[in-house]
Amino acid sequence: MEMPAPAKPYGACIDAGSISRKNTASAPYFCKEAFMAKMSIQERIERTLNNSTAKVFVRKEFDKFGSYDQVGRVLRSMMAKGLLVKAGYGIYVKAKKSSVTGNNVPAIPLEQIGREALSKLGVKTDAGDAAKAYRDGRTTQMPMSAALNVGNSRVTRKIGFGGKTIRYER
């Protein structure tokens, strides 16, 4: 009488060749590695960017994909490809081609970049005084520069692109 084969430990992968399509009941668990090649860090980050509705990303969102240096190399290569632009230390924005110059520019306005980035960093923001006055109809002058009211938060981070930066008001 033959002895049955010892059971595989929980979490062990089953060889893909040993499973037929007709009889999958003999395999109680599967392992993705047996059927699918692993994606590279670059592919995983690109997939995350494509599936995300967000336009602004903070570097710590990509920490789960690899080491600091690996993620940095991938982000630099994505900037070179034109998928991202850098808006500050650890702040990246989805890019689009400029219709005027053909260079890569952020896909959203600078003020929105600042609002989204600071909210991801845990800072509550509001529109600056000049923008509030224009929005409420108290003045007809449009604000010339992007300004955000950060309340009592102490923000020293420089957020900007192409020579324009965001001013912070208290």
Protein backbone atom coordinates (compact mmCIF):
# COMPACT_ATOMS: atom_id res chain seq x y z
CA MET A 1 0.00 0.00 0.00
CA GLU A 2 1.35 3.39 -0.98
CA MET A 3 1.72 6.16 1.54
CA PRO A 4 0.05 9.48 0.60
CA ALA A 5 2.38 12.38 -0.15
CA PRO A 6 2.90 14.67 2.84
CA ALA A 7 0.78 17.82 2.77
CA LYS A 8 2.50 21.02 1.80
CA PRO A 9 2.78 23.60 4.53
CA TYR A 10 0.29 26.45 4.46
CA GLY A 11 1.44 29.20 2.13
CA ALA A 12 3.67 26.93 0.02
CA CYS A 13 3.31 27.38 -3.71
CA ILE A 14 1.96 24.62 -5.88
CA ASP A 15 3.87 23.87 -9.03
CA ALA A 16 1.87 25.24 -11.95
CA GLY A 17 2.61 22.14 -14.02
CA SER A 18 1.05 19.80 -11.48
CA ILE A 19 -2.39 21.41 -11.69
CA SER A 20 -4.65 20.65 -14.59
CA ARG A 21 -7.39 23.05 -15.59
CA LYS A 22 -9.98 20.28 -15.22
CA ASN A 23 -9.07 19.23 -11.71
CA THR A 24 -8.35 22.28 -9.57
CA ALA A 25 -10.16 20.78 -6.58
CA SER A 26 -6.98 18.88 -5.75
CA ALA A 27 -5.23 22.19 -5.14
CA PRO A 28 -6.79 23.89 -2.12
CA TYR A 29 -4.65 27.00 -2.33
CA PHE A 30 -2.68 28.83 -4.97
CA CYS A 31 0.30 31.11 -5.03
CA LYS A 32 0.44 34.06 -7.42
CA GLU A 33 4.15 33.53 -8.02
CA ALA A 34 3.42 30.17 -9.66
CA PHE A 35 1.27 31.73 -12.37
CA MET A 36 2.42 35.33 -12.79
CA ALA A 37 5.83 36.90 -13.13
CA LYS A 38 6.66 39.50 -10.51
CA MET A 39 6.39 43.12 -11.59
CA SER A 40 9.35 45.44 -11.24
CA ILE A 41 9.23 48.44 -8.92
CA GLN A 42 8.87 50.73 -11.92
CA GLU A 43 5.91 48.77 -13.25
CA ARG A 44 4.22 48.78 -9.84
CA ILE A 45 4.66 52.54 -9.41
CA GLU A 46 3.46 53.24 -12.96
CA ARG A 47 0.38 51.10 -12.36
CA THR A 48 -0.31 52.99 -9.13
CA LEU A 49 -0.03 56.34 -10.92
CA ASN A 50 -2.27 55.24 -13.80
CA ASN A 51 -4.96 53.85 -11.50
CA SER A 52 -4.93 56.82 -9.13
CA THR A 53 -7.27 59.76 -9.54
CA ALA A 54 -4.92 61.94 -7.49
CA LYS A 55 -2.61 64.30 -9.37
CA VAL A 56 -0.18 65.07 -6.52
CA PHE A 57 1.97 62.44 -4.83
CA VAL A 58 4.23 62.58 -1.82
CA ARG A 59 7.32 60.38 -1.89
CA LYS A 60 6.35 58.46 1.24
CA GLU A 61 3.38 57.02 -0.70
CA PHE A 62 5.88 54.94 -2.68
CA ASP A 63 7.90 53.62 0.29
CA LYS A 64 6.05 50.30 0.21
CA PHE A 65 7.50 49.49 -3.22
CA GLY A 66 11.18 49.43 -2.36
CA SER A 67 14.09 51.13 -0.66
CA TYR A 68 14.63 54.90 -0.69
CA ASP A 69 17.27 54.68 -3.43
CA GLN A 70 15.25 52.30 -5.63
CA VAL A 71 12.17 54.49 -5.46
CA GLY A 72 14.28 57.58 -6.16
CA ARG A 73 15.74 56.01 -9.30
CA VAL A 74 12.28 55.04 -10.54
CA LEU A 75 10.86 58.52 -9.88
CA ARG A 76 13.79 60.15 -11.72
CA SER A 77 13.28 57.86 -14.70
CA MET A 78 9.56 58.66 -14.72
CA MET A 79 10.42 62.37 -14.71
CA ALA A 80 12.72 61.77 -17.68
CA LYS A 81 9.92 59.93 -19.51
CA GLY A 82 7.58 62.86 -18.91
CA LEU A 83 5.09 61.10 -16.63
CA LEU A 84 5.89 63.21 -13.54
CA VAL A 85 7.29 66.63 -12.68
CA LYS A 86 8.83 67.58 -9.36
CA ALA A 87 7.11 70.39 -7.46
CA GLY A 88 9.22 70.40 -4.32
CA TYR A 89 11.16 68.21 -1.95
CA GLY A 90 9.38 64.86 -2.10
CA ILE A 91 6.39 66.22 -4.04
CA TYR A 92 5.61 64.89 -7.51
CA VAL A 93 2.78 65.85 -9.88
CA LYS A 94 1.37 64.10 -12.92
CA ALA A 95 2.66 65.84 -16.05
CA LYS A 96 1.31 66.85 -19.41
CA LYS A 97 2.96 68.39 -22.47
CA SER A 98 2.69 72.16 -22.75
CA SER A 99 0.88 73.22 -25.91
CA VAL A 100 3.11 76.31 -26.10
CA THR A 101 6.63 75.06 -25.37
CA GLY A 102 6.29 71.29 -25.64
CA ASN A 103 7.92 70.84 -22.22
CA ASN A 104 6.43 68.82 -19.38
CA VAL A 105 4.29 70.92 -17.04
CA PRO A 106 2.04 69.98 -14.10
CA ALA A 107 -1.42 68.79 -15.07
CA ILE A 108 -3.08 71.02 -12.43
CA PRO A 109 -2.60 74.66 -11.31
CA LEU A 110 0.07 75.59 -8.76
CA GLU A 111 -2.41 76.57 -6.05
CA GLN A 112 -4.12 73.18 -6.28
CA ILE A 113 -0.74 71.43 -6.13
CA GLY A 114 0.02 73.26 -2.89
CA ARG A 115 -3.38 72.49 -1.37
CA GLU A 116 -3.20 68.77 -2.18
CA ALA A 117 0.44 68.38 -1.15
CA LEU A 118 -0.02 70.15 2.17
CA SER A 119 -3.15 68.17 2.96
CA LYS A 120 -1.19 64.95 2.37
CA LEU A 121 1.43 66.31 4.75
CA GLY A 122 -1.21 67.00 7.39
CA VAL A 123 -1.53 70.80 7.07
CA LYS A 124 -4.98 72.39 6.78
CA THR A 125 -5.08 75.12 4.15
CA ASP A 126 -7.45 77.78 2.89
CA ALA A 127 -7.30 80.31 0.08
CA GLY A 128 -5.14 83.39 0.64
CA ASP A 129 -6.67 86.78 1.55
CA ALA A 130 -6.48 88.18 -1.99
CA ALA A 131 -8.10 85.07 -3.48
CA LYS A 132 -10.87 85.15 -0.85
CA ALA A 133 -11.59 88.82 -1.56
CA TYR A 134 -11.81 88.14 -5.31
CA ARG A 135 -13.94 85.03 -4.81
CA ASP A 136 -16.36 86.87 -2.48
CA GLY A 137 -16.69 89.82 -4.88
CA ARG A 138 -15.09 92.41 -2.59
CA THR A 139 -12.56 93.31 -5.27
CA THR A 140 -12.11 92.98 -9.01
CA GLN A 141 -8.36 92.52 -8.79
CA MET A 142 -7.24 89.00 -9.50
CA PRO A 143 -4.46 87.67 -7.25
CA MET A 144 -1.11 87.69 -9.04
CA SER A 145 0.61 84.91 -7.11
CA ALA A 146 -0.60 81.71 -5.51
CA ALA A 147 -0.98 82.13 -1.76
CA LEU A 148 -2.36 79.69 0.80
CA ASN A 149 -3.48 80.45 4.33
CA VAL A 150 -1.95 77.78 6.58
CA GLY A 151 -3.31 79.12 9.88
CA ASN A 152 -0.93 78.62 12.78
CA SER A 153 1.05 75.86 11.03
CA ARG A 154 4.73 76.50 10.52
CA VAL A 155 5.39 75.61 6.90
CA THR A 156 8.79 76.24 5.36
CA ARG A 157 8.55 73.82 2.47
CA LYS A 158 9.04 75.40 -0.94
CA ILE A 159 6.40 74.22 -3.40
CA GLY A 160 6.52 75.48 -6.96
CA PHE A 161 7.33 74.89 -10.58
CA GLY A 162 9.00 76.90 -13.32
CA GLY A 163 10.16 79.76 -11.12
CA LYS A 164 6.76 80.30 -9.45
CA THR A 165 6.32 79.28 -5.84
CA ILE A 166 3.51 79.33 -3.33
CA ARG A 167 3.43 81.98 -0.60
CA TYR A 168 2.12 81.09 2.83
CA GLU A 169 -0.10 83.38 4.89
CA ARG A 170 -1.07 83.04 8.52
